[in-house]
Amino acid sequence: MIELQKVTKRHGDLLAVDGVSLRVEPGELLVLLGGSGSGKTTTLKMINRLIEPTSGRILLDGRDVAETPPHALRRSIGYVFQQIGLFPHLTIAENIAITPSLLGWAPARIRARVDALLDLVELDPAAIRDRRPDELSGGQAQRVGVARALAAEPKVMLLDEPFGALDPLTRDRLQRSFLRIRRQLGLTAIFVTHDMIEAILLGDRIAVMGRGRLLQVGTARELARAPVDDEVAQLLSTPQRQARRVEALLGGEGGEGGDDGDDGDHSDDGAAGDTDVSPGEAPGETSKETP
């Protein structure tokens, strides 16, 4: 469905992305995981030509994206921004309707699509459609961002850390809601995050990036059991280290400051593969939540 072939991006002397090659299968959710400066967001933005690669090819359904005008390409791919990006002078319905309007859809079709999408993201159309973005909570606004990305019925979605700025409870609800929507619609998606736990919960596979390079690709269990290097091993073991600290604190064993005795030697942390976490699985869904 999506294939990157030795994709590179330079900004002058800075090598932002270095020869990345990977493939995302139809219906798969691939997480691009890495810290700041790893190249994950630049890689994402090259897929829909928000950023043009210096070299390499990107294929969508076997066709080089460079052969499609950027505006037409972007209208065919759903994109969810980190900062949501709703237009403040438009109503929620008008925000969601932007791409269908540009594609020339009939007004009745647009209205039906807007209401259907608000239902899909668990917002009441009658209560929400005529509001302005500044009348919404952060969770509601991000749900509208997802609805807008789905408005033109794309088969591919790109998501750039969409839930990173939300409180933990809202973030958890939106993660579960997104999993439900993706499975219901059969979407192929690439999801950028720096959060290892989010990557485990959402991703069918995880592509770990660092310093502009693709370090390793696999399921969470594959990466944990056979990390390619210490950087990947440390990244995969972080959730378990944090869980041990939380357990010690809640059990009264951590002492002041929550020191769990971590002396910096994580040679045993590679046992992260013993976890029973199943990538892409999350707790049961809730309905009509309004964070």
Protein backbone atom coordinates (compact mmCIF):
# COMPACT_ATOMS: atom_id res chain seq x y z
CA MET A 1 0.00 0.00 0.00
CA ILE A 2 2.73 2.46 1.06
CA GLU A 3 6.36 1.86 0.20
CA LEU A 4 9.42 4.01 0.85
CA GLN A 5 12.51 3.23 -1.22
CA LYS A 6 15.79 4.69 0.08
CA VAL A 7 14.13 8.00 0.93
CA THR A 8 16.53 10.75 1.98
CA LYS A 9 15.99 14.36 3.03
CA ARG A 10 18.76 16.94 3.41
CA HIS A 11 18.47 20.48 4.74
CA GLY A 12 21.74 21.95 3.56
CA ASP A 13 24.43 20.01 5.40
CA LEU A 14 21.92 18.43 7.78
CA LEU A 15 20.84 14.90 6.94
CA ALA A 16 17.31 14.75 8.37
CA VAL A 17 16.32 11.37 6.90
CA ASP A 18 18.94 8.91 5.71
CA GLY A 19 17.95 6.29 3.13
CA VAL A 20 14.77 5.01 4.80
CA SER A 21 13.14 1.99 3.17
CA LEU A 22 9.98 0.36 4.52
CA ARG A 23 6.63 -1.01 3.42
CA VAL A 24 3.19 -0.68 5.01
CA GLU A 25 0.70 -3.37 4.03
CA PRO A 26 -2.99 -2.66 3.29
CA GLY A 27 -4.97 -2.33 6.52
CA GLU A 28 -1.84 -2.11 8.67
CA LEU A 29 -1.06 0.52 11.29
CA LEU A 30 2.67 1.22 11.37
CA VAL A 31 4.02 3.38 14.17
CA LEU A 32 7.05 5.58 13.50
CA LEU A 33 8.72 5.78 16.92
CA GLY A 34 11.61 7.97 17.95
CA GLY A 35 12.73 10.98 19.92
CA SER A 36 13.10 14.58 18.81
CA GLY A 37 15.30 14.85 15.74
CA SER A 38 14.92 11.19 14.81
CA GLY A 39 13.36 12.03 11.42
CA LYS A 40 9.96 10.47 12.07
CA THR A 41 7.80 13.53 11.32
CA THR A 42 9.89 14.49 8.29
CA THR A 43 9.41 10.95 6.98
CA LEU A 44 5.66 11.19 7.52
CA LYS A 45 5.38 14.54 5.74
CA MET A 46 7.27 13.29 2.70
CA ILE A 47 4.55 10.70 2.07
CA ASN A 48 1.96 13.36 1.20
CA ARG A 49 4.55 15.83 -0.12
CA LEU A 50 4.27 18.40 2.63
CA ILE A 51 8.05 17.98 2.46
CA GLU A 52 9.74 16.91 -0.76
CA PRO A 53 12.45 14.21 -0.47
CA THR A 54 15.95 14.95 -1.70
CA SER A 55 16.18 11.48 -3.20
CA GLY A 56 14.41 8.12 -3.19
CA ARG A 57 10.88 7.11 -4.13
CA ILE A 58 7.59 6.87 -2.26
CA LEU A 59 4.89 4.62 -3.73
CA LEU A 60 1.20 4.66 -2.90
CA ASP A 61 -0.66 1.67 -4.35
CA GLY A 62 2.35 1.11 -6.61
CA ARG A 63 2.37 4.64 -8.02
CA ASP A 64 5.12 7.16 -7.33
CA VAL A 65 3.56 10.04 -5.33
CA ALA A 66 5.77 12.44 -7.29
CA GLU A 67 3.52 11.77 -10.31
CA THR A 68 0.46 13.21 -8.50
CA PRO A 69 0.12 16.99 -7.97
CA PRO A 70 0.62 17.75 -4.28
CA HIS A 71 -2.87 19.21 -3.74
CA ALA A 72 -4.55 16.20 -5.33
CA LEU A 73 -2.38 13.79 -3.34
CA ARG A 74 -3.20 15.49 -0.03
CA ARG A 75 -6.93 15.41 -0.71
CA SER A 76 -6.72 11.63 -1.11
CA ILE A 77 -4.83 11.04 2.16
CA GLY A 78 -6.22 11.75 5.62
CA TYR A 79 -3.84 13.79 7.78
CA VAL A 80 -4.19 14.48 11.51
CA PHE A 81 -1.96 17.27 12.79
CA GLN A 82 -0.20 17.39 16.14
CA GLN A 83 -1.73 20.80 16.89
CA ILE A 84 -5.15 19.85 15.38
CA GLY A 85 -5.22 22.89 13.07
CA LEU A 86 -8.97 23.63 13.01
CA PHE A 87 -9.85 26.93 11.37
CA PRO A 88 -11.16 29.18 14.17
CA HIS A 89 -13.48 31.24 11.93
CA LEU A 90 -15.33 28.16 10.63
CA THR A 91 -17.92 26.02 12.38
CA ILE A 92 -17.13 22.41 13.17
CA ALA A 93 -19.27 21.27 10.22
CA GLU A 94 -17.42 23.68 7.90
CA ASN A 95 -14.04 22.47 9.16
CA ILE A 96 -14.93 18.84 8.47
CA ALA A 97 -16.40 19.73 5.07
CA ILE A 98 -13.30 21.47 3.68
CA THR A 99 -11.94 18.64 1.53
CA PRO A 100 -15.33 17.37 0.27
CA SER A 101 -16.18 20.96 -0.71
CA LEU A 102 -12.91 21.27 -2.63
CA LEU A 103 -13.73 17.99 -4.37
CA GLY A 104 -17.08 19.38 -5.49
CA TRP A 105 -19.40 17.20 -3.43
CA ALA A 106 -23.08 18.17 -3.36
CA PRO A 107 -24.21 20.03 -0.21
CA ALA A 108 -26.60 17.26 0.85
CA ARG A 109 -23.84 14.66 0.58
CA ILE A 110 -21.47 16.86 2.58
CA ARG A 111 -24.01 17.40 5.37
CA ALA A 112 -24.73 13.68 5.60
CA ARG A 113 -20.99 12.92 5.66
CA VAL A 114 -20.33 15.49 8.41
CA ASP A 115 -23.06 14.05 10.64
CA ALA A 116 -21.94 10.48 9.98
CA LEU A 117 -18.36 11.35 10.91
CA LEU A 118 -19.35 13.15 14.08
CA ASP A 119 -21.27 10.02 15.07
CA LEU A 120 -18.25 7.90 14.18
CA VAL A 121 -15.96 9.88 16.50
CA GLU A 122 -18.61 9.78 19.23
CA LEU A 123 -19.78 13.39 19.13
CA ASP A 124 -23.44 14.44 18.92
CA PRO A 125 -23.94 16.16 15.52
CA ALA A 126 -26.85 18.29 16.73
CA ALA A 127 -24.81 19.60 19.66
CA ILE A 128 -21.46 20.02 17.89
CA ARG A 129 -21.84 20.82 14.19
CA ASP A 130 -22.58 24.55 14.57
CA ARG A 131 -20.03 25.30 17.30
CA ARG A 132 -16.70 27.05 16.77
CA PRO A 133 -13.40 25.34 17.65
CA ASP A 134 -12.86 27.54 20.71
CA GLU A 135 -16.07 26.14 22.21
CA LEU A 136 -14.67 22.59 22.32
CA SER A 137 -12.52 20.77 24.85
CA GLY A 138 -9.14 19.48 23.74
CA GLY A 139 -10.48 15.95 23.37
CA GLN A 140 -13.49 17.09 21.36
CA ALA A 141 -11.29 19.19 19.07
CA GLN A 142 -8.98 16.24 18.41
CA ARG A 143 -11.98 14.04 17.58
CA VAL A 144 -13.05 16.69 15.06
CA GLY A 145 -9.51 16.62 13.65
CA VAL A 146 -9.85 12.88 13.07
CA ALA A 147 -13.29 13.38 11.48
CA ARG A 148 -11.90 16.03 9.14
CA ALA A 149 -9.09 13.70 8.06
CA LEU A 150 -11.69 11.05 7.19
CA ALA A 151 -14.07 13.40 5.38
CA ALA A 152 -13.15 12.50 1.80
CA GLU A 153 -13.21 8.74 2.50
CA PRO A 154 -9.44 8.14 2.30
CA LYS A 155 -7.95 4.67 2.49
CA VAL A 156 -4.70 6.01 3.97
CA MET A 157 -4.24 8.10 7.11
CA LEU A 158 -1.14 9.86 8.41
CA LEU A 159 -1.14 10.95 12.07
CA ASP A 160 1.54 13.18 13.60
CA GLU A 161 1.49 12.70 17.39
CA PRO A 162 -2.24 13.51 17.46
CA PHE A 163 -2.86 12.71 21.13
CA GLY A 164 0.40 13.93 22.67
CA ALA A 165 -0.97 17.14 24.22
CA LEU A 166 -4.02 15.57 25.87
CA ASP A 167 -4.51 14.56 29.48
CA PRO A 168 -4.03 10.82 30.21
CA LEU A 169 -7.72 9.90 30.50
CA THR A 170 -8.72 11.72 27.31
CA ARG A 171 -5.70 10.30 25.51
CA ASP A 172 -6.65 6.76 26.51
CA ARG A 173 -10.23 7.21 25.30
CA LEU A 174 -9.11 8.65 21.96
CA GLN A 175 -6.55 5.89 21.42
CA ARG A 176 -9.26 3.26 21.91
CA SER A 177 -11.68 5.22 19.72
CA PHE A 178 -9.11 5.49 16.94
CA LEU A 179 -8.40 1.74 17.04
CA ARG A 180 -12.12 1.07 16.65
CA ILE A 181 -12.46 3.54 13.75
CA ARG A 182 -9.41 2.20 11.93
CA ARG A 183 -10.60 -1.39 12.14
CA GLN A 184 -14.15 -0.47 11.21
CA LEU A 185 -13.01 1.40 8.08
CA GLY A 186 -10.10 -0.87 7.16
CA LEU A 187 -7.65 2.05 7.07
CA THR A 188 -3.96 1.84 6.31
CA ALA A 189 -2.22 4.23 8.69
CA ILE A 190 1.16 5.57 9.74
CA PHE A 191 1.19 7.02 13.26
CA VAL A 192 4.06 9.11 14.62
CA THR A 193 4.81 9.09 18.35
CA HIS A 194 7.70 9.34 20.81
CA ASP A 195 5.75 7.30 23.40
CA MET A 196 6.72 3.63 23.58
CA ILE A 197 3.54 2.64 25.42
CA GLU A 198 1.36 4.33 22.79
CA ALA A 199 3.34 2.55 20.08
CA ILE A 200 2.76 -0.85 21.73
CA LEU A 201 -0.95 -0.24 22.25
CA LEU A 202 -1.69 1.03 18.74
CA GLY A 203 0.80 -0.42 16.29
CA ASP A 204 0.62 -3.63 14.30
CA ARG A 205 4.32 -3.00 13.76
CA ILE A 206 6.76 -0.39 15.06
CA ALA A 207 9.49 1.29 13.02
CA VAL A 208 12.13 2.70 15.38
CA MET A 209 14.00 5.73 14.07
CA GLY A 210 17.09 7.50 15.36
CA ARG A 211 19.32 10.21 13.91
CA GLY A 212 17.40 10.08 10.63
CA ARG A 213 17.92 6.35 10.16
CA LEU A 214 15.53 3.42 10.38
CA LEU A 215 16.97 1.31 13.20
CA GLN A 216 14.56 -1.64 13.27
CA VAL A 217 11.04 -2.66 12.21
CA GLY A 218 8.89 -5.35 13.80
CA THR A 219 6.09 -6.10 16.22
CA ALA A 220 6.58 -4.93 19.79
CA ARG A 221 7.31 -8.49 20.85
CA GLU A 222 9.86 -9.00 18.05
CA LEU A 223 11.68 -5.78 18.92
CA ALA A 224 11.71 -6.59 22.63
CA ARG A 225 13.02 -10.13 22.16
CA ALA A 226 15.65 -9.33 19.54
CA PRO A 227 16.59 -5.63 19.63
CA VAL A 228 19.11 -4.70 16.98
CA ASP A 229 21.15 -2.53 19.36
CA ASP A 230 21.26 -1.02 22.86
CA GLU A 231 19.22 2.02 21.79
CA VAL A 232 16.27 -0.12 20.71
CA ALA A 233 16.65 -2.36 23.78
CA GLN A 234 16.53 0.62 26.15
CA LEU A 235 13.52 2.07 24.35
CA LEU A 236 11.57 -1.20 24.54
CA SER A 237 12.42 -1.81 28.19
CA THR A 238 11.30 1.64 29.35
CA PRO A 239 7.60 0.74 29.93
CA GLN A 240 8.57 -2.19 32.13
CA ARG A 241 11.03 -0.11 34.16
CA GLN A 242 8.35 2.53 34.67
CA ALA A 243 5.78 -0.12 35.64
CA ARG A 244 8.18 -1.53 38.26
CA ARG A 245 8.69 1.93 39.73
CA VAL A 246 4.96 2.63 39.88
CA GLU A 247 4.33 -0.77 41.50
CA ALA A 248 7.04 -0.11 44.08
CA LEU A 249 5.65 3.35 44.87
CA LEU A 250 2.08 2.11 45.21
CA GLY A 251 3.28 -0.76 47.37
CA GLY A 252 5.28 1.57 49.60
CA GLU A 253 8.59 -0.04 48.63
CA GLY A 254 10.11 2.83 46.67
CA GLY A 255 11.02 5.12 49.54
CA GLU A 256 11.33 8.86 49.11
CA GLY A 257 11.75 9.97 45.52
CA GLY A 258 10.60 6.61 44.16
CA ASP A 259 14.13 5.20 43.65
CA ASP A 260 13.73 1.64 42.49
CA GLY A 261 17.39 0.84 42.84
CA ASP A 262 18.15 1.45 39.18
CA ASP A 263 21.91 1.86 39.05
CA GLY A 264 22.03 2.58 35.33
CA ASP A 265 22.89 -1.01 34.40
CA HIS A 266 20.01 -2.26 32.27
CA SER A 267 21.68 -5.42 31.00
CA ASP A 268 18.68 -7.48 32.12
CA ASP A 269 16.11 -5.12 30.65
CA GLY A 270 16.19 -6.96 27.35
CA ALA A 271 13.74 -9.38 28.94
CA ALA A 272 10.99 -7.03 27.81
CA GLY A 273 9.95 -9.78 25.43
CA ASP A 274 8.49 -11.69 28.40
CA THR A 275 5.58 -9.24 28.48
CA ASP A 276 2.15 -10.40 27.40
CA VAL A 277 1.36 -7.08 25.68
CA SER A 278 -0.26 -7.70 22.31
CA PRO A 279 0.47 -4.91 19.79
CA GLY A 280 -2.58 -3.10 18.49
CA GLU A 281 -4.87 -4.33 21.26
CA ALA A 282 -6.57 -2.08 23.78
CA PRO A 283 -9.27 -2.38 26.44
CA GLY A 284 -12.94 -2.53 25.53
CA GLU A 285 -14.56 0.40 23.80
CA THR A 286 -16.82 3.02 25.32
CA SER A 287 -19.57 4.84 23.48
CA LYS A 288 -20.56 8.48 23.08
CA GLU A 289 -17.78 9.78 25.29
CA THR A 290 -17.27 13.51 25.33
CA PRO A 291 -13.91 14.23 26.96
